[in-house]
Amino acid sequence: IREENQIIEAARADAEAARAEAAAARADAEAARADAAAAKAETSSLAAKFEDFQRRMMTLETGSCSGASRQSSHPHYDNELDDQSIDADEEEDA
């Protein structure tokens, strides 16, 4: 009977250890889910920022800041300053 009691106690200890391991695994899984949710939120935020950046770049590339519209959209734009900078570049090349 004493040997049987020892076997039963060992089995109970093993079962308790298994329950503790299962609880730890559940906690780890929950932490991983939280990390994944945070990463997904950050990815969504970055994607939205990138899409906004793309829209802004497309607006710039479609002419909102080129040619004649440059002067109207940027009142401080100076054609003469632009011409001078081109002349300075040509002098450096010579």
Protein backbone atom coordinates (compact mmCIF):
# COMPACT_ATOMS: atom_id res chain seq x y z
CA ILE A 1 0.00 0.00 0.00
CA ARG A 2 2.86 2.36 0.79
CA GLU A 3 4.33 1.88 -2.69
CA GLU A 4 0.93 2.53 -4.26
CA ASN A 5 0.62 5.79 -2.29
CA GLN A 6 4.03 6.91 -3.53
CA ILE A 7 3.00 6.17 -7.12
CA ILE A 8 -0.24 8.12 -6.64
CA GLU A 9 1.62 11.09 -5.09
CA ALA A 10 4.14 11.09 -7.95
CA ALA A 11 1.29 11.04 -10.47
CA ARG A 12 -0.41 13.94 -8.67
CA ALA A 13 2.85 15.92 -8.69
CA ASP A 14 3.29 15.21 -12.40
CA ALA A 15 -0.29 16.30 -13.09
CA GLU A 16 0.22 19.52 -11.11
CA ALA A 17 3.43 20.24 -13.02
CA ALA A 18 1.62 19.62 -16.31
CA ARG A 19 -1.16 22.02 -15.26
CA ALA A 20 1.44 24.68 -14.39
CA GLU A 21 3.15 24.18 -17.76
CA ALA A 22 -0.19 24.47 -19.55
CA ALA A 23 -1.00 27.69 -17.68
CA ALA A 24 2.41 29.11 -18.60
CA ALA A 25 1.87 28.13 -22.24
CA ARG A 26 -1.54 29.85 -22.22
CA ALA A 27 0.04 33.00 -20.77
CA ASP A 28 2.78 32.91 -23.41
CA ALA A 29 0.18 32.48 -26.15
CA GLU A 30 -1.83 35.43 -24.82
CA ALA A 31 1.30 37.59 -24.73
CA ALA A 32 2.12 36.56 -28.30
CA ARG A 33 -1.43 37.48 -29.39
CA ALA A 34 -1.05 40.89 -27.74
CA ASP A 35 2.31 41.42 -29.47
CA ALA A 36 0.80 40.40 -32.80
CA ALA A 37 -2.11 42.81 -32.33
CA ALA A 38 0.30 45.64 -31.52
CA ALA A 39 2.43 44.81 -34.56
CA LYS A 40 -0.67 44.70 -36.77
CA ALA A 41 -1.78 48.10 -35.45
CA GLU A 42 1.68 49.57 -36.08
CA THR A 43 1.74 48.07 -39.58
CA SER A 44 -1.68 49.54 -40.33
CA SER A 45 -0.53 52.93 -39.07
CA LEU A 46 2.61 52.80 -41.20
CA ALA A 47 0.59 51.70 -44.23
CA ALA A 48 -1.77 54.65 -43.77
CA LYS A 49 1.17 57.04 -43.45
CA PHE A 50 2.78 55.58 -46.56
CA GLU A 51 -0.46 55.92 -48.53
CA ASP A 52 -0.71 59.54 -47.42
CA PHE A 53 2.89 60.08 -48.50
CA GLN A 54 2.15 58.50 -51.89
CA ARG A 55 -0.88 60.78 -52.36
CA ARG A 56 1.23 63.82 -51.55
CA MET A 57 3.98 62.74 -53.93
CA MET A 58 1.44 62.08 -56.68
CA THR A 59 0.04 65.57 -56.13
CA LEU A 60 3.52 67.02 -56.50
CA GLU A 61 4.28 64.90 -59.57
CA THR A 62 1.06 65.82 -61.34
CA GLY A 63 2.16 69.42 -61.66
CA SER A 64 0.90 71.22 -58.61
CA CYS A 65 4.40 72.63 -58.07
CA SER A 66 5.83 72.75 -61.58
CA GLY A 67 6.00 75.40 -64.26
CA ALA A 68 3.54 78.26 -64.07
CA SER A 69 1.66 76.64 -61.22
CA ARG A 70 4.83 76.81 -59.12
CA GLN A 71 4.52 80.59 -59.00
CA SER A 72 0.85 80.56 -58.09
CA SER A 73 1.18 77.84 -55.47
CA HIS A 74 4.40 79.32 -54.04
CA PRO A 75 4.12 83.13 -53.92
CA HIS A 76 7.78 83.51 -52.85
CA TYR A 77 9.12 81.63 -55.86
CA ASP A 78 11.58 83.82 -57.76
CA ASN A 79 12.30 83.05 -61.43
CA GLU A 80 15.40 85.23 -61.34
CA LEU A 81 16.81 83.33 -58.39
CA ASP A 82 16.19 80.11 -60.30
CA ASP A 83 17.95 81.54 -63.39
CA GLN A 84 20.88 82.66 -61.23
CA SER A 85 21.28 79.22 -59.74
CA ILE A 86 21.42 77.73 -63.24
CA ASP A 87 24.05 80.33 -64.25
CA ALA A 88 26.10 79.51 -61.16
CA ASP A 89 26.03 75.83 -62.06
CA GLU A 90 27.22 76.60 -65.61
CA GLU A 91 30.11 78.72 -64.29
CA GLU A 92 31.23 75.91 -62.00
CA ASP A 93 31.24 73.45 -64.92
CA ALA A 94 33.43 75.78 -67.06
